[in-house]
PDB file of N, CA and C in Angstrom:
ATOM      1  N   MET A   1    -151.934   2.336  73.082  1.00  0.00           N
ATOM      2  CA  MET A   1    -150.779   2.803  74.517  1.00  0.00           C
ATOM      3  C   MET A   1    -150.768   1.709  75.673  1.00  0.00           C
ATOM      4  N   SER A   2    -149.593   0.817  75.693  1.00  0.00           N
ATOM      5  CA  SER A   2    -149.459   0.128  76.557  1.00  0.00           C
ATOM      6  C   SER A   2    -149.477   0.046  77.952  1.00  0.00           C
ATOM      7  N   GLN A   3    -150.243  -0.700  78.807  1.00  0.00           N
ATOM      8  CA  GLN A   3    -149.946  -0.201  80.329  1.00  0.00           C
ATOM      9  C   GLN A   3    -149.454  -0.139  81.323  1.00  0.00           C
ATOM     10  N   GLU A   4    -147.701  -0.832  80.775  1.00  0.00           N
ATOM     11  CA  GLU A   4    -146.381  -0.721  81.107  1.00  0.00           C
ATOM     12  C   GLU A   4    -145.986   0.870  81.090  1.00  0.00           C
ATOM     13  N   ARG A   5    -146.425   1.756  79.393  1.00  0.00           N
ATOM     14  CA  ARG A   5    -146.127   3.145  79.161  1.00  0.00           C
ATOM     15  C   ARG A   5    -146.776   4.205  80.090  1.00  0.00           C
ATOM     16  N   LEU A   6    -148.792   3.747  80.247  1.00  0.00           N
ATOM     17  CA  LEU A   6    -149.187   4.874  80.467  1.00  0.00           C
ATOM     18  C   LEU A   6    -148.995   4.524  82.294  1.00  0.00           C
ATOM     19  N   ASN A   7    -148.556   3.328  82.974  1.00  0.00           N
ATOM     20  CA  ASN A   7    -148.062   2.967  84.072  1.00  0.00           C
ATOM     21  C   ASN A   7    -146.774   4.064  84.603  1.00  0.00           C
ATOM     22  N   GLY A   8    -145.544   4.292  83.487  1.00  0.00           N
ATOM     23  CA  GLY A   8    -144.262   4.685  83.314  1.00  0.00           C
ATOM     24  C   GLY A   8    -145.423   6.405  83.980  1.00  0.00           C
ATOM     25  N   LEU A   9    -145.868   6.699  82.305  1.00  0.00           N
ATOM     26  CA  LEU A   9    -147.122   8.201  82.560  1.00  0.00           C
ATOM     27  C   LEU A   9    -147.320   9.259  83.864  1.00  0.00           C
ATOM     28  N   ALA A  10    -147.968   8.137  84.641  1.00  0.00           N
ATOM     29  CA  ALA A  10    -148.592   8.013  85.824  1.00  0.00           C
ATOM     30  C   ALA A  10    -147.908   8.356  87.081  1.00  0.00           C
ATOM     31  N   MET A  11    -146.455   7.453  87.041  1.00  0.00           N
ATOM     32  CA  MET A  11    -145.471   7.958  88.195  1.00  0.00           C
ATOM     33  C   MET A  11    -144.771   9.008  87.845  1.00  0.00           C
ATOM     34  N   CYS A  12    -144.923   9.436  86.895  1.00  0.00           N
ATOM     35  CA  CYS A  12    -143.914  10.732  86.466  1.00  0.00           C
ATOM     36  C   CYS A  12    -145.024  11.840  86.529  1.00  0.00           C
ATOM     37  N   CYS A  13    -146.083  11.819  86.854  1.00  0.00           N
ATOM     38  CA  CYS A  13    -147.103  12.731  86.641  1.00  0.00           C
ATOM     39  C   CYS A  13    -147.521  12.740  88.771  1.00  0.00           C
ATOM     40  N   ILE A  14    -147.453  11.940  88.858  1.00  0.00           N
ATOM     41  CA  ILE A  14    -147.235  11.837  90.309  1.00  0.00           C
ATOM     42  C   ILE A  14    -146.323  12.293  91.243  1.00  0.00           C
ATOM     43  N   GLU A  15    -144.345  12.321  90.278  1.00  0.00           N
ATOM     44  CA  GLU A  15    -143.620  12.299  91.409  1.00  0.00           C
ATOM     45  C   GLU A  15    -143.445  13.266  91.044  1.00  0.00           C
ATOM     46  N   LYS A  16    -144.265  14.457  89.893  1.00  0.00           N
ATOM     47  CA  LYS A  16    -143.369  15.674  89.177  1.00  0.00           C
ATOM     48  C   LYS A  16    -142.237  15.992  90.147  1.00  0.00           C
ATOM     49  N   ASN A  17    -142.946  17.009  90.571  1.00  0.00           N
ATOM     50  CA  ASN A  17    -141.733  17.385  91.676  1.00  0.00           C
ATOM     51  C   ASN A  17    -140.746  16.988  91.997  1.00  0.00           C
ATOM     52  N   MET A  18    -140.678  15.609  92.234  1.00  0.00           N
ATOM     53  CA  MET A  18    -139.054  15.475  92.723  1.00  0.00           C
ATOM     54  C   MET A  18    -138.743  15.377  91.009  1.00  0.00           C
ATOM     55  N   LEU A  19    -139.203  15.059  89.790  1.00  0.00           N
ATOM     56  CA  LEU A  19    -138.814  15.421  88.418  1.00  0.00           C
ATOM     57  C   LEU A  19    -138.420  17.025  87.702  1.00  0.00           C
ATOM     58  N   ASP A  20    -138.973  17.631  88.568  1.00  0.00           N
ATOM     59  CA  ASP A  20    -138.404  19.106  88.583  1.00  0.00           C
ATOM     60  C   ASP A  20    -137.011  19.134  88.901  1.00  0.00           C
ATOM     61  N   ASN A  21    -136.446  18.261  89.863  1.00  0.00           N
ATOM     62  CA  ASN A  21    -134.985  19.089  90.496  1.00  0.00           C
ATOM     63  C   ASN A  21    -133.703  18.079  89.438  1.00  0.00           C
ATOM     64  N   ILE A  22    -135.140  17.222  88.662  1.00  0.00           N
ATOM     65  CA  ILE A  22    -133.909  16.350  88.194  1.00  0.00           C
ATOM     66  C   ILE A  22    -133.110  17.052  87.109  1.00  0.00           C
ATOM     67  N   ASP A  23    -131.718  17.349  86.898  1.00  0.00           N
ATOM     68  CA  ASP A  23    -130.714  18.131  85.695  1.00  0.00           C
ATOM     69  C   ASP A  23    -130.416  17.363  84.583  1.00  0.00           C
ATOM     70  N   LEU A  24    -130.712  16.679  83.184  1.00  0.00           N
ATOM     71  CA  LEU A  24    -131.687  15.912  82.857  1.00  0.00           C
ATOM     72  C   LEU A  24    -130.418  16.198  82.013  1.00  0.00           C
ATOM     73  N   ASP A  25    -129.609  17.642  82.042  1.00  0.00           N
ATOM     74  CA  ASP A  25    -128.259  17.256  81.026  1.00  0.00           C
ATOM     75  C   ASP A  25    -127.371  16.008  82.430  1.00  0.00           C
ATOM     76  N   ILE A  26    -127.023  16.272  83.547  1.00  0.00           N
ATOM     77  CA  ILE A  26    -126.246  15.089  83.938  1.00  0.00           C
ATOM     78  C   ILE A  26    -126.923  13.765  83.720  1.00  0.00           C
ATOM     79  N   VAL A  27    -128.426  13.368  83.309  1.00  0.00           N
ATOM     80  CA  VAL A  27    -128.908  12.126  83.363  1.00  0.00           C
ATOM     81  C   VAL A  27    -128.422  12.101  81.785  1.00  0.00           C
ATOM     82  N   ILE A  28    -128.305  12.694  80.618  1.00  0.00           N
ATOM     83  CA  ILE A  28    -128.286  12.400  79.466  1.00  0.00           C
ATOM     84  C   ILE A  28    -126.547  11.829  79.248  1.00  0.00           C
ATOM     85  N   ASP A  29    -125.606  12.598  79.822  1.00  0.00           N
ATOM     86  CA  ASP A  29    -124.401  12.391  79.666  1.00  0.00           C
ATOM     87  C   ASP A  29    -123.892  11.605  80.634  1.00  0.00           C
ATOM     88  N   ASP A  30    -124.404  10.794  81.199  1.00  0.00           N
ATOM     89  CA  ASP A  30    -124.825   9.781  81.928  1.00  0.00           C
ATOM     90  C   ASP A  30    -125.204   8.064  81.162  1.00  0.00           C
ATOM     91  N   PHE A  31    -125.779   8.153  80.406  1.00  0.00           N
ATOM     92  CA  PHE A  31    -126.605   7.942  79.659  1.00  0.00           C
ATOM     93  C   PHE A  31    -126.062   7.619  78.228  1.00  0.00           C
ATOM     94  N   ALA A  32    -125.077   8.915  77.705  1.00  0.00           N
ATOM     95  CA  ALA A  32    -124.536   8.545  76.936  1.00  0.00           C
ATOM     96  C   ALA A  32    -123.154   7.909  77.091  1.00  0.00           C
ATOM     97  N   SER A  33    -122.388   8.191  78.216  1.00  0.00           N
ATOM     98  CA  SER A  33    -121.443   7.647  78.462  1.00  0.00           C
ATOM     99  C   SER A  33    -121.192   6.390  78.526  1.00  0.00           C
ATOM    100  N   LYS A  34    -122.489   5.555  79.054  1.00  0.00           N
ATOM    101  CA  LYS A  34    -122.583   3.913  79.550  1.00  0.00           C
ATOM    102  C   LYS A  34    -123.235   3.603  78.195  1.00  0.00           C
ATOM    103  N   ASN A  35    -123.626   3.926  76.815  1.00  0.00           N
ATOM    104  CA  ASN A  35    -124.064   3.470  76.371  1.00  0.00           C
ATOM    105  C   ASN A  35    -122.350   3.405  75.516  1.00  0.00           C
ATOM    106  N   ALA A  36    -121.599   4.146  74.929  1.00  0.00           N
ATOM    107  CA  ALA A  36    -120.330   4.387  74.714  1.00  0.00           C
ATOM    108  C   ALA A  36    -119.246   3.800  74.674  1.00  0.00           C
ATOM    109  N   ARG A  37    -119.516   3.388  76.419  1.00  0.00           N
ATOM    110  CA  ARG A  37    -118.785   2.188  76.977  1.00  0.00           C
ATOM    111  C   ARG A  37    -119.080   0.898  76.676  1.00  0.00           C
ATOM    112  N   LYS A  38    -121.001   0.737  76.230  1.00  0.00           N
ATOM    113  CA  LYS A  38    -120.773  -0.672  75.974  1.00  0.00           C
ATOM    114  C   LYS A  38    -120.693  -0.872  74.894  1.00  0.00           C
ATOM    115  N   SER A  39    -120.506   0.207  73.606  1.00  0.00           N
ATOM    116  CA  SER A  39    -120.666   0.124  72.317  1.00  0.00           C
ATOM    117  C   SER A  39    -119.425  -0.619  71.618  1.00  0.00           C
ATOM    118  N   ARG A  40    -118.304  -0.331  73.283  1.00  0.00           N
ATOM    119  CA  ARG A  40    -116.587  -0.236  72.697  1.00  0.00           C
ATOM    120  C   ARG A  40    -116.365  -1.565  72.992  1.00  0.00           C
ATOM    121  N   PHE A  41    -117.104  -2.247  74.274  1.00  0.00           N
ATOM    122  CA  PHE A  41    -116.796  -3.716  74.537  1.00  0.00           C
ATOM    123  C   PHE A  41    -117.046  -4.949  74.042  1.00  0.00           C
ATOM    124  N   SER A  42    -118.068  -4.438  72.673  1.00  0.00           N
ATOM    125  CA  SER A  42    -119.274  -5.362  71.866  1.00  0.00           C
ATOM    126  C   SER A  42    -118.697  -5.600  70.837  1.00  0.00           C
TER     127      SER A  42
END
């Protein structure tokens, strides 16, 4: 596992209470809409 990946996982653990408040459905929808928009222009 790379150092960058370990750093990301450590940040997730440290900021767990903030992550618990994130609505993953909104994040997924936002990500999907940005990828769909990008593929239309390519």
